[in-house]
PDB file of N, CA and C in Angstrom:
ATOM      1  N   UNK A   1      36.644  -8.207 -12.410  1.00  0.00           N
ATOM      2  CA  UNK A   1      37.335  -9.126 -11.366  1.00  0.00           C
ATOM      3  C   UNK A   1      36.988  -9.782 -10.258  1.00  0.00           C
ATOM      4  N   UNK A   2      36.289 -11.260  -9.918  1.00  0.00           N
ATOM      5  CA  UNK A   2      35.027 -10.693  -8.716  1.00  0.00           C
ATOM      6  C   UNK A   2      36.633 -11.040  -7.439  1.00  0.00           C
ATOM      7  N   UNK A   3      35.668 -11.351  -6.268  1.00  0.00           N
ATOM      8  CA  UNK A   3      36.134 -10.286  -5.072  1.00  0.00           C
ATOM      9  C   UNK A   3      36.476 -12.870  -4.734  1.00  0.00           C
ATOM     10  N   UNK A   4      38.011 -12.779  -4.414  1.00  0.00           N
ATOM     11  CA  UNK A   4      38.527 -13.752  -3.344  1.00  0.00           C
ATOM     12  C   UNK A   4      38.535 -14.984  -5.155  1.00  0.00           C
ATOM     13  N   UNK A   5      39.693 -15.710  -4.386  1.00  0.00           N
ATOM     14  CA  UNK A   5      40.060 -16.429  -5.368  1.00  0.00           C
ATOM     15  C   UNK A   5      39.504 -17.622  -4.866  1.00  0.00           C
ATOM     16  N   UNK A   6      40.143 -18.519  -6.413  1.00  0.00           N
ATOM     17  CA  UNK A   6      39.341 -20.409  -5.651  1.00  0.00           C
ATOM     18  C   UNK A   6      39.869 -21.150  -6.116  1.00  0.00           C
ATOM     19  N   UNK A   7      40.333 -22.326  -5.120  1.00  0.00           N
ATOM     20  CA  UNK A   7      41.541 -22.970  -5.694  1.00  0.00           C
ATOM     21  C   UNK A   7      41.114 -24.222  -6.138  1.00  0.00           C
ATOM     22  N   UNK A   8      41.921 -24.261  -7.708  1.00  0.00           N
ATOM     23  CA  UNK A   8      41.394 -25.950  -7.728  1.00  0.00           C
ATOM     24  C   UNK A   8      42.756 -27.009  -7.114  1.00  0.00           C
ATOM     25  N   UNK A   9      42.650 -27.529  -6.740  1.00  0.00           N
ATOM     26  CA  UNK A   9      43.361 -29.085  -6.468  1.00  0.00           C
ATOM     27  C   UNK A   9      42.966 -30.236  -8.145  1.00  0.00           C
ATOM     28  N   UNK A  10      43.830 -30.381  -8.503  1.00  0.00           N
ATOM     29  CA  UNK A  10      43.879 -30.813  -9.324  1.00  0.00           C
ATOM     30  C   UNK A  10      44.284 -30.450 -10.864  1.00  0.00           C
ATOM     31  N   UNK A  11      44.361 -28.467 -10.562  1.00  0.00           N
ATOM     32  CA  UNK A  11      44.670 -28.269 -11.720  1.00  0.00           C
ATOM     33  C   UNK A  11      45.487 -28.219 -13.087  1.00  0.00           C
ATOM     34  N   UNK A  12      45.789 -28.658 -12.664  1.00  0.00           N
ATOM     35  CA  UNK A  12      46.869 -29.308 -13.936  1.00  0.00           C
ATOM     36  C   UNK A  12      46.426 -30.603 -15.050  1.00  0.00           C
ATOM     37  N   UNK A  13      46.376 -31.319 -14.607  1.00  0.00           N
ATOM     38  CA  UNK A  13      45.192 -32.082 -15.263  1.00  0.00           C
ATOM     39  C   UNK A  13      43.698 -31.719 -16.121  1.00  0.00           C
ATOM     40  N   UNK A  14      44.022 -33.328 -16.922  1.00  0.00           N
ATOM     41  CA  UNK A  14      42.817 -32.801 -17.847  1.00  0.00           C
ATOM     42  C   UNK A  14      41.208 -31.712 -17.260  1.00  0.00           C
ATOM     43  N   UNK A  15      40.799 -32.896 -16.812  1.00  0.00           N
ATOM     44  CA  UNK A  15      39.483 -32.034 -16.498  1.00  0.00           C
ATOM     45  C   UNK A  15      39.461 -30.869 -15.268  1.00  0.00           C
ATOM     46  N   UNK A  16      40.461 -30.892 -13.726  1.00  0.00           N
ATOM     47  CA  UNK A  16      40.694 -29.484 -13.388  1.00  0.00           C
ATOM     48  C   UNK A  16      41.847 -28.153 -14.421  1.00  0.00           C
ATOM     49  N   UNK A  17      42.000 -28.647 -15.716  1.00  0.00           N
ATOM     50  CA  UNK A  17      42.762 -27.264 -16.470  1.00  0.00           C
ATOM     51  C   UNK A  17      41.242 -27.124 -16.776  1.00  0.00           C
ATOM     52  N   UNK A  18      41.048 -27.345 -17.384  1.00  0.00           N
ATOM     53  CA  UNK A  18      39.162 -26.687 -18.212  1.00  0.00           C
ATOM     54  C   UNK A  18      38.318 -26.138 -17.646  1.00  0.00           C
ATOM     55  N   UNK A  19      38.358 -26.697 -15.367  1.00  0.00           N
ATOM     56  CA  UNK A  19      38.077 -25.636 -14.497  1.00  0.00           C
ATOM     57  C   UNK A  19      38.595 -24.948 -14.580  1.00  0.00           C
ATOM     58  N   UNK A  20      39.853 -25.002 -14.913  1.00  0.00           N
ATOM     59  CA  UNK A  20      40.880 -23.948 -14.746  1.00  0.00           C
ATOM     60  C   UNK A  20      40.166 -21.982 -15.436  1.00  0.00           C
ATOM     61  N   UNK A  21      40.287 -22.771 -16.684  1.00  0.00           N
ATOM     62  CA  UNK A  21      39.499 -22.618 -17.865  1.00  0.00           C
ATOM     63  C   UNK A  21      38.760 -21.376 -17.549  1.00  0.00           C
ATOM     64  N   UNK A  22      37.898 -22.152 -17.695  1.00  0.00           N
ATOM     65  CA  UNK A  22      37.095 -21.502 -17.104  1.00  0.00           C
ATOM     66  C   UNK A  22      35.996 -20.503 -15.614  1.00  0.00           C
ATOM     67  N   UNK A  23      37.534 -20.784 -15.204  1.00  0.00           N
ATOM     68  CA  UNK A  23      36.659 -19.140 -13.578  1.00  0.00           C
ATOM     69  C   UNK A  23      37.750 -18.839 -14.009  1.00  0.00           C
ATOM     70  N   UNK A  24      39.007 -18.416 -14.249  1.00  0.00           N
ATOM     71  CA  UNK A  24      39.285 -17.318 -15.295  1.00  0.00           C
ATOM     72  C   UNK A  24      38.290 -16.541 -16.168  1.00  0.00           C
ATOM     73  N   UNK A  25      37.943 -17.232 -17.335  1.00  0.00           N
ATOM     74  CA  UNK A  25      37.332 -16.979 -18.031  1.00  0.00           C
ATOM     75  C   UNK A  25      35.602 -15.668 -17.551  1.00  0.00           C
ATOM     76  N   UNK A  26      36.025 -16.685 -16.548  1.00  0.00           N
ATOM     77  CA  UNK A  26      34.489 -16.004 -15.705  1.00  0.00           C
ATOM     78  C   UNK A  26      34.600 -14.915 -14.832  1.00  0.00           C
ATOM     79  N   UNK A  27      35.924 -14.476 -15.223  1.00  0.00           N
ATOM     80  CA  UNK A  27      36.824 -13.101 -14.039  1.00  0.00           C
ATOM     81  C   UNK A  27      36.735 -13.721 -12.667  1.00  0.00           C
ATOM     82  N   UNK A  28      37.441 -14.494 -12.284  1.00  0.00           N
ATOM     83  CA  UNK A  28      37.753 -15.556 -11.098  1.00  0.00           C
ATOM     84  C   UNK A  28      39.282 -15.373 -10.843  1.00  0.00           C
ATOM     85  N   UNK A  29      40.010 -15.369 -10.137  1.00  0.00           N
ATOM     86  CA  UNK A  29      40.863 -15.246  -9.074  1.00  0.00           C
ATOM     87  C   UNK A  29      41.001 -16.669  -9.365  1.00  0.00           C
ATOM     88  N   UNK A  30      42.107 -17.647  -9.511  1.00  0.00           N
ATOM     89  CA  UNK A  30      42.926 -18.883  -9.409  1.00  0.00           C
ATOM     90  C   UNK A  30      43.882 -18.878  -9.312  1.00  0.00           C
ATOM     91  N   UNK A  31      43.959 -20.484  -8.057  1.00  0.00           N
ATOM     92  CA  UNK A  31      45.157 -20.492  -7.244  1.00  0.00           C
ATOM     93  C   UNK A  31      45.379 -22.120  -7.489  1.00  0.00           C
ATOM     94  N   UNK A  32      46.086 -23.072  -8.165  1.00  0.00           N
ATOM     95  CA  UNK A  32      46.613 -24.457  -8.405  1.00  0.00           C
ATOM     96  C   UNK A  32      46.966 -25.615  -7.337  1.00  0.00           C
ATOM     97  N   UNK A  33      46.568 -26.226  -7.219  1.00  0.00           N
ATOM     98  CA  UNK A  33      46.827 -26.548  -6.316  1.00  0.00           C
ATOM     99  C   UNK A  33      47.665 -28.071  -6.936  1.00  0.00           C
ATOM    100  N   UNK A  34      48.669 -28.646  -7.727  1.00  0.00           N
ATOM    101  CA  UNK A  34      49.311 -30.012  -7.985  1.00  0.00           C
ATOM    102  C   UNK A  34      50.236 -30.653  -7.681  1.00  0.00           C
ATOM    103  N   UNK A  35      50.691 -31.647  -7.746  1.00  0.00           N
ATOM    104  CA  UNK A  35      51.873 -32.174  -7.057  1.00  0.00           C
ATOM    105  C   UNK A  35      52.389 -32.911  -8.062  1.00  0.00           C
ATOM    106  N   UNK A  36      51.876 -32.506  -9.569  1.00  0.00           N
ATOM    107  CA  UNK A  36      52.284 -33.170 -11.119  1.00  0.00           C
ATOM    108  C   UNK A  36      52.750 -34.765 -11.478  1.00  0.00           C
ATOM    109  N   UNK A  37      51.385 -35.335 -10.366  1.00  0.00           N
ATOM    110  CA  UNK A  37      52.611 -36.745 -10.436  1.00  0.00           C
ATOM    111  C   UNK A  37      51.908 -37.351 -11.905  1.00  0.00           C
ATOM    112  N   UNK A  38      50.063 -37.050 -12.153  1.00  0.00           N
ATOM    113  CA  UNK A  38      49.954 -37.810 -12.869  1.00  0.00           C
ATOM    114  C   UNK A  38      49.220 -35.684 -13.781  1.00  0.00           C
ATOM    115  N   UNK A  39      49.408 -34.950 -13.425  1.00  0.00           N
ATOM    116  CA  UNK A  39      49.630 -33.641 -14.557  1.00  0.00           C
ATOM    117  C   UNK A  39      50.268 -33.049 -14.958  1.00  0.00           C
ATOM    118  N   UNK A  40      50.504 -32.074 -15.337  1.00  0.00           N
ATOM    119  CA  UNK A  40      51.116 -31.161 -15.835  1.00  0.00           C
ATOM    120  C   UNK A  40      51.695 -29.511 -16.014  1.00  0.00           C
ATOM    121  N   UNK A  41      51.843 -29.228 -15.455  1.00  0.00           N
ATOM    122  CA  UNK A  41      52.521 -27.145 -15.128  1.00  0.00           C
ATOM    123  C   UNK A  41      52.267 -26.715 -17.197  1.00  0.00           C
ATOM    124  N   UNK A  42      52.495 -27.044 -17.633  1.00  0.00           N
ATOM    125  CA  UNK A  42      51.807 -26.165 -18.869  1.00  0.00           C
ATOM    126  C   UNK A  42      50.332 -26.475 -19.349  1.00  0.00           C
ATOM    127  N   UNK A  43      50.051 -27.226 -18.725  1.00  0.00           N
ATOM    128  CA  UNK A  43      48.758 -27.486 -18.899  1.00  0.00           C
ATOM    129  C   UNK A  43      47.419 -25.964 -17.946  1.00  0.00           C
ATOM    130  N   UNK A  44      48.347 -25.323 -16.963  1.00  0.00           N
ATOM    131  CA  UNK A  44      47.773 -24.200 -16.283  1.00  0.00           C
ATOM    132  C   UNK A  44      48.077 -23.042 -16.846  1.00  0.00           C
ATOM    133  N   UNK A  45      47.101 -22.362 -16.621  1.00  0.00           N
ATOM    134  CA  UNK A  45      46.875 -20.808 -17.626  1.00  0.00           C
ATOM    135  C   UNK A  45      47.758 -20.112 -16.994  1.00  0.00           C
ATOM    136  N   UNK A  46      48.451 -19.360 -17.419  1.00  0.00           N
ATOM    137  CA  UNK A  46      48.954 -18.522 -17.181  1.00  0.00           C
ATOM    138  C   UNK A  46      48.319 -17.549 -16.393  1.00  0.00           C
ATOM    139  N   UNK A  47      47.550 -17.293 -16.422  1.00  0.00           N
ATOM    140  CA  UNK A  47      46.676 -16.363 -15.864  1.00  0.00           C
ATOM    141  C   UNK A  47      45.869 -16.561 -13.506  1.00  0.00           C
ATOM    142  N   UNK A  48      46.617 -18.302 -13.986  1.00  0.00           N
ATOM    143  CA  UNK A  48      46.343 -19.010 -12.785  1.00  0.00           C
ATOM    144  C   UNK A  48      47.874 -19.035 -12.334  1.00  0.00           C
ATOM    145  N   UNK A  49      47.466 -19.381 -10.449  1.00  0.00           N
ATOM    146  CA  UNK A  49      49.296 -19.447  -9.994  1.00  0.00           C
ATOM    147  C   UNK A  49      49.124 -20.987  -9.372  1.00  0.00           C
ATOM    148  N   UNK A  50      50.664 -21.454 -10.257  1.00  0.00           N
ATOM    149  CA  UNK A  50      50.638 -22.565  -8.911  1.00  0.00           C
ATOM    150  C   UNK A  50      51.582 -22.269  -8.037  1.00  0.00           C
ATOM    151  N   UNK A  51      50.581 -23.835  -7.971  1.00  0.00           N
ATOM    152  CA  UNK A  51      51.273 -24.003  -6.349  1.00  0.00           C
ATOM    153  C   UNK A  51      51.536 -25.453  -6.397  1.00  0.00           C
ATOM    154  N   UNK A  52      52.583 -26.160  -5.924  1.00  0.00           N
ATOM    155  CA  UNK A  52      53.083 -28.070  -6.889  1.00  0.00           C
ATOM    156  C   UNK A  52      53.550 -28.141  -5.102  1.00  0.00           C
ATOM    157  N   UNK A  53      52.468 -29.299  -4.815  1.00  0.00           N
ATOM    158  CA  UNK A  53      52.433 -29.719  -3.128  1.00  0.00           C
ATOM    159  C   UNK A  53      50.975 -30.473  -3.778  1.00  0.00           C
ATOM    160  N   UNK A  54      51.594 -31.639  -2.518  1.00  0.00           N
ATOM    161  CA  UNK A  54      50.764 -32.520  -1.914  1.00  0.00           C
ATOM    162  C   UNK A  54      49.023 -31.398  -1.825  1.00  0.00           C
ATOM    163  N   UNK A  55      47.957 -32.423  -1.104  1.00  0.00           N
ATOM    164  CA  UNK A  55      46.927 -31.446  -0.416  1.00  0.00           C
ATOM    165  C   UNK A  55      47.551 -31.940   0.730  1.00  0.00           C
ATOM    166  N   UNK A  56      47.279 -33.505   1.285  1.00  0.00           N
ATOM    167  CA  UNK A  56      47.812 -33.164   2.736  1.00  0.00           C
ATOM    168  C   UNK A  56      48.984 -32.282   3.318  1.00  0.00           C
ATOM    169  N   UNK A  57      49.683 -32.115   2.694  1.00  0.00           N
ATOM    170  CA  UNK A  57      50.598 -30.794   2.997  1.00  0.00           C
ATOM    171  C   UNK A  57      49.397 -29.967   3.458  1.00  0.00           C
ATOM    172  N   UNK A  58      48.881 -30.090   5.128  1.00  0.00           N
ATOM    173  CA  UNK A  58      48.172 -28.534   6.477  1.00  0.00           C
ATOM    174  C   UNK A  58      49.090 -27.460   5.656  1.00  0.00           C
ATOM    175  N   UNK A  59      50.502 -27.656   5.547  1.00  0.00           N
ATOM    176  CA  UNK A  59      50.396 -26.364   5.667  1.00  0.00           C
ATOM    177  C   UNK A  59      51.097 -25.323   4.605  1.00  0.00           C
ATOM    178  N   UNK A  60      51.308 -26.364   3.262  1.00  0.00           N
ATOM    179  CA  UNK A  60      51.685 -25.729   2.532  1.00  0.00           C
ATOM    180  C   UNK A  60      49.676 -25.525   2.101  1.00  0.00           C
ATOM    181  N   UNK A  61      48.908 -26.001   2.089  1.00  0.00           N
ATOM    182  CA  UNK A  61      47.229 -25.395   1.547  1.00  0.00           C
ATOM    183  C   UNK A  61      46.789 -24.254   2.924  1.00  0.00           C
ATOM    184  N   UNK A  62      47.791 -24.355   3.750  1.00  0.00           N
ATOM    185  CA  UNK A  62      47.285 -22.937   4.586  1.00  0.00           C
ATOM    186  C   UNK A  62      47.069 -22.347   4.373  1.00  0.00           C
ATOM    187  N   UNK A  63      48.552 -21.805   4.545  1.00  0.00           N
ATOM    188  CA  UNK A  63      48.784 -21.175   4.175  1.00  0.00           C
ATOM    189  C   UNK A  63      48.596 -20.444   2.360  1.00  0.00           C
ATOM    190  N   UNK A  64      48.277 -21.685   1.709  1.00  0.00           N
ATOM    191  CA  UNK A  64      48.244 -20.616   0.819  1.00  0.00           C
ATOM    192  C   UNK A  64      46.980 -20.315   0.327  1.00  0.00           C
ATOM    193  N   UNK A  65      45.575 -20.998   1.003  1.00  0.00           N
ATOM    194  CA  UNK A  65      44.965 -20.440   1.213  1.00  0.00           C
ATOM    195  C   UNK A  65      44.327 -19.073   1.690  1.00  0.00           C
ATOM    196  N   UNK A  66      44.783 -18.520   3.022  1.00  0.00           N
ATOM    197  CA  UNK A  66      45.221 -18.021   3.724  1.00  0.00           C
ATOM    198  C   UNK A  66      45.665 -16.377   2.855  1.00  0.00           C
ATOM    199  N   UNK A  67      47.247 -16.778   2.306  1.00  0.00           N
ATOM    200  CA  UNK A  67      47.639 -15.948   1.612  1.00  0.00           C
ATOM    201  C   UNK A  67      46.712 -15.765   0.220  1.00  0.00           C
ATOM    202  N   UNK A  68      46.285 -16.294  -1.001  1.00  0.00           N
ATOM    203  CA  UNK A  68      45.596 -15.672  -1.528  1.00  0.00           C
ATOM    204  C   UNK A  68      44.259 -15.315  -1.284  1.00  0.00           C
ATOM    205  N   UNK A  69      43.710 -15.412  -0.535  1.00  0.00           N
ATOM    206  CA  UNK A  69      41.978 -14.750  -0.370  1.00  0.00           C
ATOM    207  C   UNK A  69      41.300 -16.062  -0.732  1.00  0.00           C
ATOM    208  N   UNK A  70      41.322 -16.900  -0.465  1.00  0.00           N
ATOM    209  CA  UNK A  70      40.397 -18.457  -1.335  1.00  0.00           C
ATOM    210  C   UNK A  70      39.196 -18.705  -0.651  1.00  0.00           C
ATOM    211  N   UNK A  71      38.157 -18.417  -1.118  1.00  0.00           N
ATOM    212  CA  UNK A  71      36.659 -17.995  -0.433  1.00  0.00           C
ATOM    213  C   UNK A  71      35.775 -19.880  -1.121  1.00  0.00           C
ATOM    214  N   UNK A  72      36.718 -20.203  -2.123  1.00  0.00           N
ATOM    215  CA  UNK A  72      35.970 -21.685  -2.736  1.00  0.00           C
ATOM    216  C   UNK A  72      37.042 -22.688  -2.840  1.00  0.00           C
ATOM    217  N   UNK A  73      36.737 -24.231  -2.876  1.00  0.00           N
ATOM    218  CA  UNK A  73      37.281 -25.057  -3.542  1.00  0.00           C
ATOM    219  C   UNK A  73      36.839 -25.365  -4.304  1.00  0.00           C
ATOM    220  N   UNK A  74      37.720 -26.456  -5.210  1.00  0.00           N
ATOM    221  CA  UNK A  74      37.014 -26.621  -5.953  1.00  0.00           C
ATOM    222  C   UNK A  74      37.797 -28.238  -7.064  1.00  0.00           C
ATOM    223  N   UNK A  75      37.502 -29.340  -5.891  1.00  0.00           N
ATOM    224  CA  UNK A  75      38.277 -30.522  -5.609  1.00  0.00           C
ATOM    225  C   UNK A  75      38.502 -31.592  -6.534  1.00  0.00           C
ATOM    226  N   UNK A  76      39.659 -31.342  -7.654  1.00  0.00           N
ATOM    227  CA  UNK A  76      40.044 -32.421  -9.306  1.00  0.00           C
ATOM    228  C   UNK A  76      41.339 -33.696  -8.399  1.00  0.00           C
ATOM    229  N   UNK A  77      41.018 -33.595  -7.928  1.00  0.00           N
ATOM    230  CA  UNK A  77      43.344 -34.494  -7.131  1.00  0.00           C
ATOM    231  C   UNK A  77      42.735 -35.676  -6.481  1.00  0.00           C
ATOM    232  N   UNK A  78      40.986 -36.599  -7.083  1.00  0.00           N
ATOM    233  CA  UNK A  78      41.766 -37.854  -6.434  1.00  0.00           C
ATOM    234  C   UNK A  78      42.239 -38.967  -7.929  1.00  0.00           C
ATOM    235  N   UNK A  79      41.910 -39.918  -7.307  1.00  0.00           N
ATOM    236  CA  UNK A  79      43.112 -40.646  -8.744  1.00  0.00           C
ATOM    237  C   UNK A  79      41.914 -41.383  -9.394  1.00  0.00           C
ATOM    238  N   UNK A  80      41.493 -41.866 -10.254  1.00  0.00           N
ATOM    239  CA  UNK A  80      40.902 -42.375 -10.807  1.00  0.00           C
ATOM    240  C   UNK A  80      40.728 -43.320 -11.880  1.00  0.00           C
ATOM    241  N   UNK A  81      41.692 -44.435 -11.829  1.00  0.00           N
ATOM    242  CA  UNK A  81      42.080 -45.521 -12.559  1.00  0.00           C
ATOM    243  C   UNK A  81      41.675 -46.528 -11.897  1.00  0.00           C
ATOM    244  N   UNK A  82      40.370 -46.914 -12.625  1.00  0.00           N
ATOM    245  CA  UNK A  82      40.034 -48.685 -12.080  1.00  0.00           C
ATOM    246  C   UNK A  82      40.530 -49.451 -11.953  1.00  0.00           C
ATOM    247  N   UNK A  83      40.765 -50.595 -12.686  1.00  0.00           N
ATOM    248  CA  UNK A  83      41.870 -51.492 -13.212  1.00  0.00           C
ATOM    249  C   UNK A  83      42.840 -50.688 -12.013  1.00  0.00           C
ATOM    250  N   UNK A  84      43.732 -50.496 -12.045  1.00  0.00           N
ATOM    251  CA  UNK A  84      44.727 -49.344 -10.719  1.00  0.00           C
ATOM    252  C   UNK A  84      44.516 -49.889  -9.043  1.00  0.00           C
ATOM    253  N   UNK A  85      43.371 -48.760  -9.331  1.00  0.00           N
ATOM    254  CA  UNK A  85      42.163 -48.770  -7.550  1.00  0.00           C
ATOM    255  C   UNK A  85      41.687 -49.715  -7.726  1.00  0.00           C
ATOM    256  N   UNK A  86      42.499 -51.343  -8.172  1.00  0.00           N
ATOM    257  CA  UNK A  86      41.956 -53.017  -7.679  1.00  0.00           C
ATOM    258  C   UNK A  86      43.109 -53.537  -6.865  1.00  0.00           C
ATOM    259  N   UNK A  87      44.166 -52.845  -7.690  1.00  0.00           N
ATOM    260  CA  UNK A  87      45.876 -53.842  -8.082  1.00  0.00           C
ATOM    261  C   UNK A  87      45.841 -52.697  -6.412  1.00  0.00           C
ATOM    262  N   UNK A  88      46.075 -51.894  -6.885  1.00  0.00           N
ATOM    263  CA  UNK A  88      46.858 -51.289  -5.064  1.00  0.00           C
ATOM    264  C   UNK A  88      45.732 -49.821  -4.043  1.00  0.00           C
ATOM    265  N   UNK A  89      44.741 -50.747  -3.316  1.00  0.00           N
ATOM    266  CA  UNK A  89      43.458 -49.671  -3.167  1.00  0.00           C
ATOM    267  C   UNK A  89      43.648 -49.188  -1.964  1.00  0.00           C
ATOM    268  N   UNK A  90      45.385 -48.927  -1.552  1.00  0.00           N
ATOM    269  CA  UNK A  90      45.404 -48.452  -0.435  1.00  0.00           C
ATOM    270  C   UNK A  90      46.301 -47.240  -0.518  1.00  0.00           C
ATOM    271  N   UNK A  91      46.296 -47.228  -1.918  1.00  0.00           N
ATOM    272  CA  UNK A  91      46.959 -45.980  -2.492  1.00  0.00           C
ATOM    273  C   UNK A  91      45.842 -44.736  -2.614  1.00  0.00           C
ATOM    274  N   UNK A  92      44.726 -45.755  -3.158  1.00  0.00           N
ATOM    275  CA  UNK A  92      43.529 -45.139  -3.287  1.00  0.00           C
ATOM    276  C   UNK A  92      43.311 -44.774  -2.518  1.00  0.00           C
ATOM    277  N   UNK A  93      42.512 -45.384  -1.705  1.00  0.00           N
ATOM    278  CA  UNK A  93      42.171 -44.641  -0.127  1.00  0.00           C
ATOM    279  C   UNK A  93      42.549 -43.700   0.706  1.00  0.00           C
ATOM    280  N   UNK A  94      44.184 -43.892   0.175  1.00  0.00           N
ATOM    281  CA  UNK A  94      44.811 -42.985   0.838  1.00  0.00           C
ATOM    282  C   UNK A  94      44.964 -41.383   0.191  1.00  0.00           C
ATOM    283  N   UNK A  95      44.892 -41.314  -0.912  1.00  0.00           N
ATOM    284  CA  UNK A  95      44.485 -40.393  -1.598  1.00  0.00           C
ATOM    285  C   UNK A  95      43.692 -39.396  -2.386  1.00  0.00           C
ATOM    286  N   UNK A  96      42.030 -40.861  -1.897  1.00  0.00           N
ATOM    287  CA  UNK A  96      41.100 -40.252  -2.572  1.00  0.00           C
ATOM    288  C   UNK A  96      40.550 -40.149  -1.047  1.00  0.00           C
ATOM    289  N   UNK A  97      40.136 -40.468   0.177  1.00  0.00           N
ATOM    290  CA  UNK A  97      40.153 -40.086   1.661  1.00  0.00           C
ATOM    291  C   UNK A  97      40.818 -39.534   2.170  1.00  0.00           C
ATOM    292  N   UNK A  98      42.018 -39.574   2.687  1.00  0.00           N
ATOM    293  CA  UNK A  98      43.259 -39.570   4.046  1.00  0.00           C
ATOM    294  C   UNK A  98      43.309 -37.265   3.011  1.00  0.00           C
ATOM    295  N   UNK A  99      44.167 -37.883   2.582  1.00  0.00           N
ATOM    296  CA  UNK A  99      44.103 -36.717   1.976  1.00  0.00           C
ATOM    297  C   UNK A  99      42.828 -35.438   0.956  1.00  0.00           C
ATOM    298  N   UNK A 100      42.250 -35.870   0.973  1.00  0.00           N
ATOM    299  CA  UNK A 100      40.851 -35.383   0.657  1.00  0.00           C
ATOM    300  C   UNK A 100      40.745 -35.122   2.019  1.00  0.00           C
ATOM    301  N   UNK A 101      40.612 -35.733   3.124  1.00  0.00           N
ATOM    302  CA  UNK A 101      39.926 -34.752   4.453  1.00  0.00           C
ATOM    303  C   UNK A 101      40.970 -33.874   4.866  1.00  0.00           C
ATOM    304  N   UNK A 102      41.970 -34.353   4.354  1.00  0.00           N
ATOM    305  CA  UNK A 102      43.132 -32.802   5.362  1.00  0.00           C
ATOM    306  C   UNK A 102      43.081 -31.881   4.791  1.00  0.00           C
ATOM    307  N   UNK A 103      42.901 -31.482   3.008  1.00  0.00           N
ATOM    308  CA  UNK A 103      41.816 -30.435   2.034  1.00  0.00           C
ATOM    309  C   UNK A 103      41.607 -30.245   3.054  1.00  0.00           C
ATOM    310  N   UNK A 104      39.967 -31.509   2.729  1.00  0.00           N
ATOM    311  CA  UNK A 104      39.439 -29.993   4.416  1.00  0.00           C
ATOM    312  C   UNK A 104      39.374 -29.277   5.635  1.00  0.00           C
ATOM    313  N   UNK A 105      39.523 -30.562   6.040  1.00  0.00           N
ATOM    314  CA  UNK A 105      40.669 -29.653   7.386  1.00  0.00           C
ATOM    315  C   UNK A 105      41.142 -28.589   7.321  1.00  0.00           C
ATOM    316  N   UNK A 106      41.752 -28.594   6.250  1.00  0.00           N
ATOM    317  CA  UNK A 106      42.253 -27.411   6.149  1.00  0.00           C
ATOM    318  C   UNK A 106      41.906 -26.012   5.170  1.00  0.00           C
ATOM    319  N   UNK A 107      40.527 -26.925   4.874  1.00  0.00           N
ATOM    320  CA  UNK A 107      40.089 -25.394   4.387  1.00  0.00           C
ATOM    321  C   UNK A 107      38.584 -25.267   5.068  1.00  0.00           C
ATOM    322  N   UNK A 108      38.614 -25.600   6.394  1.00  0.00           N
ATOM    323  CA  UNK A 108      37.393 -25.434   8.135  1.00  0.00           C
ATOM    324  C   UNK A 108      38.767 -24.371   8.086  1.00  0.00           C
ATOM    325  N   UNK A 109      40.234 -25.362   8.288  1.00  0.00           N
ATOM    326  CA  UNK A 109      40.852 -24.225   9.543  1.00  0.00           C
ATOM    327  C   UNK A 109      40.764 -22.800   9.134  1.00  0.00           C
ATOM    328  N   UNK A 110      41.261 -22.688   7.731  1.00  0.00           N
ATOM    329  CA  UNK A 110      41.185 -21.438   6.574  1.00  0.00           C
ATOM    330  C   UNK A 110      39.916 -20.039   6.487  1.00  0.00           C
ATOM    331  N   UNK A 111      38.776 -21.113   7.249  1.00  0.00           N
ATOM    332  CA  UNK A 111      37.481 -20.083   7.144  1.00  0.00           C
ATOM    333  C   UNK A 111      36.687 -20.379   6.071  1.00  0.00           C
TER     334      UNK A 111
END
């Protein structure tokens, strides 16, 4: 087992869950943060810890980062459906910009 934990946002989605598998197979401890809006809890390997939360929930993210000894973040919690992004651009701005900025602030605050 390697030292430290990798936090994977969106780790219950298709791409994120495959990143989780690769990290676990490489010997990393992994904690997944996913709100399960488009992801599935069954997609998260049982070797990883799943925290069901939104990435902009700074109290939960910071507590998770500090409590789990997170040393790196892989961020897959972005919204990616192009037609929906055109019809609802503010939803995409909020998730892909505002929530991502909040995640970065939590990471910086957590060291």
